N, C-alpha and C. Protein backbone atom coordinates (compact mmCIF):
# COMPACT_ATOMS: atom_id res chain seq x y z
N UNK A 1 27.97 -9.57 10.15
CA UNK A 1 28.49 -8.68 9.06
C UNK A 1 27.48 -8.70 7.96
N UNK A 2 27.36 -7.53 7.49
CA UNK A 2 26.56 -7.40 6.27
C UNK A 2 27.28 -7.59 4.97
N UNK A 3 26.58 -8.13 4.07
CA UNK A 3 27.24 -8.44 2.74
C UNK A 3 27.16 -7.05 1.89
N UNK A 4 27.96 -6.79 1.05
CA UNK A 4 27.87 -5.48 0.24
C UNK A 4 26.48 -5.21 -0.31
N UNK A 5 25.77 -6.29 -0.63
CA UNK A 5 24.45 -6.06 -1.24
C UNK A 5 23.47 -5.62 -0.11
N UNK A 6 23.68 -6.11 0.98
CA UNK A 6 22.72 -5.76 2.22
C UNK A 6 22.97 -4.48 2.63
N UNK A 7 24.24 -3.98 2.63
CA UNK A 7 24.70 -2.67 3.02
C UNK A 7 24.18 -1.66 2.02
N UNK A 8 24.21 -1.98 0.75
CA UNK A 8 23.64 -1.04 -0.22
C UNK A 8 22.04 -0.95 -0.11
N UNK A 9 21.37 -2.19 0.23
CA UNK A 9 19.87 -2.04 0.35
C UNK A 9 19.64 -1.07 1.76
N UNK A 10 20.29 -1.15 2.73
CA UNK A 10 20.01 -0.24 3.83
C UNK A 10 20.42 1.14 3.58
N UNK A 11 21.37 1.38 2.72
CA UNK A 11 21.48 2.88 2.15
C UNK A 11 20.34 3.24 1.37
N UNK A 12 19.98 2.29 0.65
CA UNK A 12 18.75 2.73 -0.28
C UNK A 12 17.52 2.85 0.63
N UNK A 13 17.32 1.98 1.61
CA UNK A 13 16.21 2.23 2.51
C UNK A 13 16.21 3.49 3.33
N UNK A 14 17.35 3.75 3.69
CA UNK A 14 17.56 5.04 4.46
C UNK A 14 17.27 6.31 3.68
N UNK A 15 17.67 6.21 2.48
CA UNK A 15 17.54 7.33 1.50
C UNK A 15 15.83 7.45 1.29
N UNK A 16 15.27 6.44 1.11
CA UNK A 16 13.77 6.34 1.02
C UNK A 16 13.11 6.86 2.24
N UNK A 17 13.57 6.43 3.35
CA UNK A 17 13.01 7.03 4.63
C UNK A 17 13.10 8.54 4.69
N UNK A 18 14.27 8.95 4.37
CA UNK A 18 14.48 10.46 4.44
C UNK A 18 13.53 11.15 3.54
N UNK A 19 13.35 10.74 2.33
CA UNK A 19 12.43 11.33 1.33
C UNK A 19 11.15 11.28 1.83
N UNK A 20 10.59 10.25 2.54
CA UNK A 20 9.18 10.06 3.10
C UNK A 20 9.10 11.15 4.12
N UNK A 21 10.09 11.32 4.95
CA UNK A 21 10.11 12.19 6.08
C UNK A 21 9.82 13.57 5.60
N UNK A 22 10.66 13.99 4.50
CA UNK A 22 10.46 15.31 3.95
C UNK A 22 9.17 15.53 3.28
N UNK A 23 8.61 14.63 2.72
CA UNK A 23 7.19 14.67 1.99
C UNK A 23 6.13 14.86 3.18
N UNK A 24 6.25 14.08 4.21
CA UNK A 24 5.12 14.04 5.22
C UNK A 24 5.29 15.53 5.88
N UNK A 25 6.57 15.97 6.22
CA UNK A 25 6.70 17.19 6.84
C UNK A 25 6.03 18.32 5.98
N UNK A 26 6.25 18.17 4.58
CA UNK A 26 5.75 19.28 3.62
C UNK A 26 4.17 19.09 3.64
N UNK A 27 3.72 17.88 3.74
CA UNK A 27 2.22 17.68 3.69
C UNK A 27 1.67 18.35 5.00
N UNK A 28 2.20 18.07 6.08
CA UNK A 28 1.91 18.67 7.35
C UNK A 28 1.71 20.20 7.35
N UNK A 29 2.66 20.70 6.62
CA UNK A 29 2.81 22.10 6.56
C UNK A 29 1.76 22.77 5.64
N UNK A 30 1.36 22.16 4.70
CA UNK A 30 0.64 22.66 3.64
C UNK A 30 -0.95 22.20 3.88
N UNK A 31 -1.18 21.27 4.63
CA UNK A 31 -2.52 20.85 4.65
C UNK A 31 -3.36 21.66 5.55
N UNK A 32 -4.64 21.88 5.13
CA UNK A 32 -5.60 22.91 5.76
C UNK A 32 -6.56 22.10 6.77
N UNK A 33 -6.71 20.93 6.39
CA UNK A 33 -7.63 19.97 7.20
C UNK A 33 -6.92 19.80 8.63
N UNK A 34 -7.59 20.30 9.72
CA UNK A 34 -6.97 20.06 11.03
C UNK A 34 -6.88 18.70 11.60
N UNK A 35 -7.46 17.62 10.92
CA UNK A 35 -7.43 16.31 11.25
C UNK A 35 -6.26 15.52 10.53
N UNK A 36 -5.83 16.21 9.32
CA UNK A 36 -4.84 15.62 8.51
C UNK A 36 -3.42 16.05 9.00
N UNK A 37 -3.41 17.29 9.59
CA UNK A 37 -1.97 17.72 9.95
C UNK A 37 -1.22 16.92 10.93
N UNK A 38 -2.00 16.47 12.20
CA UNK A 38 -1.44 15.56 13.11
C UNK A 38 -1.05 14.25 12.56
N UNK A 39 -1.78 13.74 11.51
CA UNK A 39 -1.54 12.34 10.79
C UNK A 39 -0.24 12.45 10.15
N UNK A 40 -0.10 13.56 9.28
CA UNK A 40 1.13 13.64 8.66
C UNK A 40 2.40 13.78 9.62
N UNK A 41 2.13 14.58 10.70
CA UNK A 41 3.28 14.64 11.54
C UNK A 41 3.71 13.37 12.35
N UNK A 42 2.57 12.51 12.48
CA UNK A 42 2.80 11.24 13.13
C UNK A 42 3.60 10.28 12.12
N UNK A 43 3.28 10.44 10.76
CA UNK A 43 3.93 9.68 9.89
C UNK A 43 5.28 9.85 9.71
N UNK A 44 5.55 11.30 9.75
CA UNK A 44 6.81 11.76 9.60
C UNK A 44 7.81 11.19 10.85
N UNK A 45 7.17 11.28 12.00
CA UNK A 45 7.91 10.62 13.30
C UNK A 45 8.02 9.14 13.21
N UNK A 46 7.19 8.51 12.52
CA UNK A 46 7.49 7.09 12.40
C UNK A 46 8.63 6.79 11.41
N UNK A 47 8.49 7.51 10.24
CA UNK A 47 9.73 7.30 9.28
C UNK A 47 11.08 7.80 9.98
N UNK A 48 11.03 8.79 10.85
CA UNK A 48 12.23 9.21 11.55
C UNK A 48 12.74 7.98 12.36
N UNK A 49 11.77 7.30 13.14
CA UNK A 49 12.10 6.12 13.91
C UNK A 49 12.76 5.13 12.91
N UNK A 50 12.29 4.77 11.74
CA UNK A 50 12.72 3.87 10.79
C UNK A 50 14.10 4.25 10.40
N UNK A 51 14.31 5.59 10.07
CA UNK A 51 15.64 6.03 9.63
C UNK A 51 16.64 5.99 10.78
N UNK A 52 16.31 6.14 11.98
CA UNK A 52 17.18 6.15 13.09
C UNK A 52 17.55 4.43 13.24
N UNK A 53 16.62 3.56 13.15
CA UNK A 53 17.05 2.29 13.17
C UNK A 53 18.05 1.77 12.12
N UNK A 54 17.70 2.33 10.94
CA UNK A 54 18.52 1.89 9.84
C UNK A 54 19.93 2.40 9.94
N UNK A 55 19.96 3.73 10.52
CA UNK A 55 21.38 4.41 10.78
C UNK A 55 22.13 3.60 11.87
N UNK A 56 21.37 3.16 12.79
CA UNK A 56 21.96 2.35 13.95
C UNK A 56 22.67 1.08 13.44
N UNK A 57 21.98 0.52 12.45
CA UNK A 57 22.27 -0.90 11.91
C UNK A 57 23.60 -0.54 11.01
N UNK A 58 23.57 0.59 10.14
CA UNK A 58 24.73 0.74 9.45
C UNK A 58 25.83 1.13 10.33
N UNK A 59 25.74 1.98 11.41
CA UNK A 59 26.80 2.39 12.18
C UNK A 59 27.47 1.15 12.98
N UNK A 60 26.50 0.30 13.31
CA UNK A 60 27.06 -0.96 14.08
C UNK A 60 27.92 -1.87 13.01
N UNK A 61 27.44 -1.75 11.84
CA UNK A 61 28.23 -2.46 10.78
C UNK A 61 29.48 -2.00 10.55
N UNK A 62 29.54 -0.68 10.45
CA UNK A 62 30.86 0.13 10.15
C UNK A 62 31.87 0.02 11.38
N UNK A 63 31.40 -0.08 12.45
CA UNK A 63 32.22 -0.29 13.71
C UNK A 63 32.92 -1.73 13.75
N UNK A 64 32.10 -2.63 13.15
CA UNK A 64 32.85 -3.96 12.97
C UNK A 64 33.86 -4.22 11.70
N UNK A 65 33.84 -3.06 10.81
CA UNK A 65 34.87 -3.41 9.81
C UNK A 65 36.17 -2.98 10.17
N UNK A 66 37.24 -3.72 10.06
CA UNK A 66 38.49 -3.39 10.60
C UNK A 66 39.17 -2.32 9.69
């Protein structure tokens, strides 16, 4: 069971991950260097995995609350 502070931190982390996803996607769209485009796409994918992990943790926590 998460404490309220831990839950708040996870929500903040999720918000941060989503912001990074948006930034990396924008960078991938705007960059003209063909070597950088896949880098930003990979970074966005990594952040999506992080966001999915955090979302799963929060969903599991919410399922335990009576």
